[in-house]
Amino acid sequence: DKSVAVTRQYAGIVGKVENCQVGVYSSLVNDTRATIINAKLFLPKSWTEDKERCRKAGIPEDAMQFKTKPELALDMIDEDILNGVQFDWIGGDGLYGHNYELTNGLDYRNLFYVLDVHKDELVYLEKPKIKVPDKKSGRGRPPHVPQPVGDPIRLDKYKRTLNENHWEEVKVRKTAKGWLKLKVHKVEVWVWNRENNMLKRRTLIISQTIEKKHRVKYSFSNGLLDDYSRKEYAYFQAQRYWVERTFDDSKNELGI
């Protein structure tokens, strides 16, 4: 039923809030070949909080629990592994790279990932000390939650501190216009998880296109800095292109 889970929510395909359905998909990618292997319909809270509406729409009882898109993604990864799917790494856009529950879940499962993040993400360039802040005034209760010492830096601000020596130009994949070339930078950073007060080490990968009006992409990985070269990390980043192609091909061939 096309009306199931429809509500006003952000629709990525048009880039704004619309009355629509939203799905979460997993794709398997090998070089230039990709295919969708799993999908789940996202149920907004306006639906999961109305059990009778869900029952009338035919939604199973065990599916009426609200889950975020990253939570659905983690469920799908578990399902794919249970079904015998084998893969080397996990990629995804900024919604998933920013989500601590998903990234902590992948850490716990010992699954390697390279996930995009937004340019306003905050990082520490050196491992900060963690301590309970001093009380700033005589009023109110004293602080009791440990915090990192020092100020983090935004990713886009950090990028502006880089010079030509910090970048490496690499060939990533062939396109209709020749090789896609990127300038790539990688560095070890530390990220503070405010939700559960945890400090996480990450490898930050920044890539930008060579063209005059270049496009920039930021990603976090739980791989160590020297586990992979800049070219390999850039390749992991760029493979999401083929996932997006699966949707374009489906629309063109099947009219979805």
Protein backbone atom coordinates (compact mmCIF):
# COMPACT_ATOMS: atom_id res chain seq x y z
CA ASP A 1 0.00 0.00 0.00
CA LYS A 2 1.62 3.26 -1.12
CA SER A 3 -0.03 5.15 1.74
CA VAL A 4 1.82 3.20 4.48
CA ALA A 5 4.23 5.40 6.52
CA VAL A 6 3.43 8.50 4.46
CA THR A 7 3.88 11.78 6.32
CA ARG A 8 5.55 15.15 5.83
CA GLN A 9 9.26 14.40 6.12
CA TYR A 10 12.55 15.13 4.37
CA ALA A 11 12.70 13.56 0.91
CA GLY A 12 16.28 13.24 -0.31
CA ILE A 13 15.24 12.85 -3.93
CA VAL A 14 13.89 16.43 -4.00
CA GLY A 15 15.97 17.88 -1.17
CA LYS A 16 13.09 19.23 0.92
CA VAL A 17 10.20 18.26 3.21
CA GLU A 18 7.35 16.61 1.33
CA ASN A 19 4.44 14.24 1.95
CA CYS A 20 6.24 10.99 1.17
CA GLN A 21 7.57 7.59 2.19
CA VAL A 22 11.21 7.12 3.18
CA GLY A 23 13.16 3.90 2.85
CA VAL A 24 16.56 2.70 4.04
CA TYR A 25 18.49 0.52 1.59
CA SER A 26 21.65 -1.55 1.64
CA SER A 27 23.57 -2.19 -1.58
CA LEU A 28 26.40 -4.55 -2.38
CA VAL A 29 29.13 -3.00 -4.53
CA ASN A 30 31.99 -4.69 -6.38
CA ASP A 31 34.10 -2.39 -8.53
CA THR A 32 31.62 -0.87 -11.02
CA ARG A 33 28.76 -3.24 -10.24
CA ALA A 34 26.17 -2.61 -7.53
CA THR A 35 22.77 -3.95 -6.58
CA ILE A 36 20.26 -3.31 -3.81
CA ILE A 37 20.16 -6.31 -1.44
CA ASN A 38 17.98 -5.12 1.44
CA ALA A 39 15.38 -2.46 2.18
CA LYS A 40 13.26 -1.31 5.10
CA LEU A 41 10.46 1.23 5.22
CA PHE A 42 11.03 3.99 7.77
CA LEU A 43 8.03 4.38 10.10
CA PRO A 44 7.74 7.93 11.51
CA LYS A 45 6.68 8.41 15.13
CA SER A 46 3.32 9.73 13.93
CA TRP A 47 2.72 6.16 12.74
CA THR A 48 4.36 4.06 15.47
CA GLU A 49 2.51 6.03 18.17
CA ASP A 50 -0.80 5.17 16.49
CA LYS A 51 -0.99 1.36 16.75
CA GLU A 52 -4.52 1.13 15.35
CA ARG A 53 -3.49 3.04 12.24
CA CYS A 54 -0.57 0.64 11.80
CA ARG A 55 -2.82 -2.40 12.16
CA LYS A 56 -5.28 -1.06 9.57
CA ALA A 57 -2.35 -0.56 7.19
CA GLY A 58 -1.26 -4.18 7.71
CA ILE A 59 1.99 -3.42 9.54
CA PRO A 60 3.11 -6.44 11.61
CA GLU A 61 3.03 -6.01 15.40
CA ASP A 62 6.79 -6.54 15.75
CA ALA A 63 7.47 -3.75 13.24
CA MET A 64 5.50 -1.03 15.04
CA GLN A 65 8.42 0.01 17.25
CA PHE A 66 9.99 3.31 16.23
CA LYS A 67 13.53 3.01 14.90
CA THR A 68 15.74 5.71 13.46
CA LYS A 69 17.21 5.28 10.00
CA PRO A 70 20.67 4.42 11.42
CA GLU A 71 19.05 1.83 13.72
CA LEU A 72 17.34 0.29 10.68
CA ALA A 73 20.67 0.33 8.85
CA LEU A 74 22.35 -1.60 11.68
CA ASP A 75 19.50 -4.14 11.68
CA MET A 76 19.93 -4.60 7.93
CA ILE A 77 23.69 -5.11 8.23
CA ASP A 78 23.04 -7.84 10.81
CA GLU A 79 20.47 -9.43 8.49
CA ASP A 80 22.82 -9.30 5.52
CA ILE A 81 25.62 -10.98 7.49
CA LEU A 82 23.19 -13.63 8.75
CA ASN A 83 22.19 -14.27 5.13
CA GLY A 84 25.81 -14.93 4.20
CA VAL A 85 26.62 -11.61 2.51
CA GLN A 86 30.38 -10.95 2.54
CA PHE A 87 31.90 -7.50 2.25
CA ASP A 88 35.10 -5.62 3.08
CA TRP A 89 33.79 -2.26 4.30
CA ILE A 90 30.64 -0.23 4.91
CA GLY A 91 29.90 3.19 3.41
CA GLY A 92 27.09 5.67 3.84
CA ASP A 93 26.20 9.35 3.75
CA GLY A 94 26.44 12.01 6.45
CA LEU A 95 23.26 10.96 8.23
CA TYR A 96 24.89 7.64 9.09
CA GLY A 97 28.45 8.87 9.63
CA HIS A 98 27.25 11.36 12.23
CA ASN A 99 25.22 8.80 14.18
CA TYR A 100 27.06 7.51 17.26
CA GLU A 101 24.73 4.57 17.79
CA LEU A 102 25.49 3.20 14.34
CA THR A 103 29.24 3.83 14.45
CA ASN A 104 29.53 2.39 17.96
CA GLY A 105 27.55 -0.63 16.77
CA LEU A 106 29.94 -1.14 13.86
CA ASP A 107 32.91 -0.78 16.23
CA TYR A 108 31.37 -3.40 18.53
CA ARG A 109 30.87 -5.77 15.57
CA ASN A 110 34.45 -5.13 14.42
CA LEU A 111 33.19 -3.95 11.01
CA PHE A 112 35.38 -1.55 9.05
CA TYR A 113 33.63 1.55 7.68
CA VAL A 114 34.23 4.79 5.77
CA LEU A 115 31.18 6.98 6.40
CA ASP A 116 30.62 10.54 5.20
CA VAL A 117 30.20 13.32 7.76
CA HIS A 118 29.18 16.97 7.58
CA LYS A 119 31.60 19.87 7.34
CA ASP A 120 30.54 21.23 10.75
CA GLU A 121 31.60 18.07 12.59
CA LEU A 122 33.92 18.87 15.52
CA VAL A 123 37.22 17.04 16.08
CA TYR A 124 40.33 17.22 18.23
CA LEU A 125 43.65 17.02 16.39
CA GLU A 126 45.37 15.57 19.45
CA LYS A 127 43.95 13.23 22.06
CA PRO A 128 42.50 15.54 24.73
CA LYS A 129 42.59 14.98 28.46
CA ILE A 130 39.20 14.21 30.01
CA LYS A 131 38.23 15.85 33.30
CA VAL A 132 35.28 17.30 35.17
CA PRO A 133 35.22 21.06 34.45
CA ASP A 134 35.85 23.51 37.26
CA LYS A 135 32.85 25.37 38.63
CA LYS A 136 32.63 28.78 36.94
CA SER A 137 30.60 30.69 39.53
CA GLY A 138 29.20 30.43 43.03
CA ARG A 139 25.70 29.64 41.79
CA GLY A 140 24.19 26.37 40.72
CA ARG A 141 25.35 22.81 41.14
CA PRO A 142 28.99 21.96 40.43
CA PRO A 143 29.74 20.10 37.16
CA HIS A 144 29.98 16.32 37.46
CA VAL A 145 30.18 15.10 33.85
CA PRO A 146 33.72 14.68 32.47
CA GLN A 147 34.52 16.72 29.35
CA PRO A 148 37.51 17.00 26.98
CA VAL A 149 40.00 19.74 27.83
CA GLY A 150 40.57 22.21 25.00
CA ASP A 151 38.59 23.42 22.02
CA PRO A 152 37.67 21.19 19.06
CA ILE A 153 37.85 22.44 15.47
CA ARG A 154 35.27 22.23 12.68
CA LEU A 155 36.25 20.10 9.71
CA ASP A 156 35.86 22.91 7.18
CA LYS A 157 37.97 25.21 9.36
CA TYR A 158 40.65 22.53 9.68
CA LYS A 159 40.68 22.10 5.89
CA ARG A 160 41.50 25.80 5.49
CA THR A 161 44.71 25.27 7.52
CA LEU A 162 46.09 22.75 5.00
CA ASN A 163 48.67 23.60 2.35
CA GLU A 164 49.64 21.77 -0.86
CA ASN A 165 52.05 19.47 1.00
CA HIS A 166 49.16 17.99 2.98
CA TRP A 167 47.42 16.67 -0.13
CA GLU A 168 48.09 13.84 -2.56
CA GLU A 169 46.58 13.72 -6.04
CA VAL A 170 45.23 10.25 -6.89
CA LYS A 171 43.30 8.54 -9.67
CA VAL A 172 40.15 6.93 -8.29
CA ARG A 173 38.07 5.54 -11.17
CA LYS A 174 37.45 5.90 -14.87
CA THR A 175 34.59 8.09 -16.08
CA ALA A 176 33.15 8.98 -19.48
CA LYS A 177 35.50 11.98 -19.47
CA GLY A 178 38.59 10.07 -18.35
CA TRP A 179 39.98 9.38 -14.88
CA LEU A 180 38.34 10.92 -11.83
CA LYS A 181 41.23 12.62 -10.02
CA LEU A 182 41.02 13.76 -6.42
CA LYS A 183 43.23 15.59 -3.98
CA VAL A 184 43.19 13.57 -0.76
CA HIS A 185 44.23 14.26 2.82
CA LYS A 186 44.06 11.88 5.79
CA VAL A 187 44.81 12.47 9.47
CA GLU A 188 44.12 10.89 12.85
CA VAL A 189 41.53 12.81 14.89
CA TRP A 190 39.53 12.34 18.07
CA VAL A 191 35.76 12.72 18.32
CA TRP A 192 33.82 13.31 21.54
CA ASN A 193 30.56 11.40 21.77
CA ARG A 194 28.34 13.64 23.91
CA GLU A 195 25.54 11.08 24.07
CA ASN A 196 27.53 8.59 26.14
CA ASN A 197 30.61 10.67 27.06
CA MET A 198 33.09 8.62 25.06
CA LEU A 199 36.20 9.67 23.17
CA LYS A 200 36.71 7.88 19.85
CA ARG A 201 39.77 7.79 17.61
CA ARG A 202 38.93 8.20 13.93
CA THR A 203 40.77 8.56 10.64
CA LEU A 204 39.52 11.68 8.87
CA ILE A 205 39.60 11.56 5.07
CA ILE A 206 39.09 14.77 3.10
CA SER A 207 38.89 14.65 -0.68
CA GLN A 208 38.24 17.36 -3.22
CA THR A 209 37.88 17.35 -6.98
CA ILE A 210 40.56 18.94 -9.15
CA GLU A 211 38.19 21.18 -11.12
CA LYS A 212 38.13 24.93 -10.46
CA LYS A 213 34.81 24.80 -8.61
CA HIS A 214 35.80 21.79 -6.57
CA ARG A 215 33.56 19.58 -4.50
CA VAL A 216 34.70 18.53 -1.04
CA LYS A 217 33.84 15.36 0.87
CA TYR A 218 34.61 14.55 4.51
CA SER A 219 34.55 11.02 5.93
CA PHE A 220 35.36 9.25 9.18
CA SER A 221 36.75 5.74 9.32
CA ASN A 222 37.40 3.40 12.24
CA GLY A 223 40.41 2.09 10.32
CA LEU A 224 43.83 3.16 11.55
CA LEU A 225 45.60 5.98 9.76
CA ASP A 226 48.23 3.71 8.19
CA ASP A 227 45.93 0.76 7.47
CA TYR A 228 45.24 2.18 4.01
CA SER A 229 46.85 4.68 1.66
CA ARG A 230 45.19 7.97 0.73
CA LYS A 231 44.27 6.44 -2.62
CA GLU A 232 42.60 3.45 -0.97
CA TYR A 233 40.64 5.60 1.48
CA ALA A 234 39.55 7.85 -1.42
CA TYR A 235 38.45 4.75 -3.34
CA PHE A 236 36.29 3.65 -0.39
CA GLN A 237 34.73 7.14 -0.33
CA ALA A 238 34.06 7.21 -4.06
CA GLN A 239 32.37 3.81 -4.27
CA ARG A 240 29.09 5.32 -3.06
CA TYR A 241 28.78 6.67 -6.60
CA TRP A 242 27.81 3.19 -7.80
CA VAL A 243 25.20 2.81 -5.06
CA GLU A 244 23.55 6.01 -6.27
CA ARG A 245 23.74 4.66 -9.81
CA THR A 246 21.61 1.65 -8.80
CA PHE A 247 18.75 4.02 -8.03
CA ASP A 248 19.23 5.99 -11.25
CA ASP A 249 19.34 2.77 -13.28
CA SER A 250 16.23 1.47 -11.54
CA LYS A 251 14.32 4.64 -12.35
CA ASN A 252 15.46 4.56 -15.96
CA GLU A 253 14.88 0.85 -16.58
CA LEU A 254 11.91 0.09 -14.33
CA GLY A 255 10.25 3.47 -13.94
CA ILE A 256 10.31 3.46 -10.13
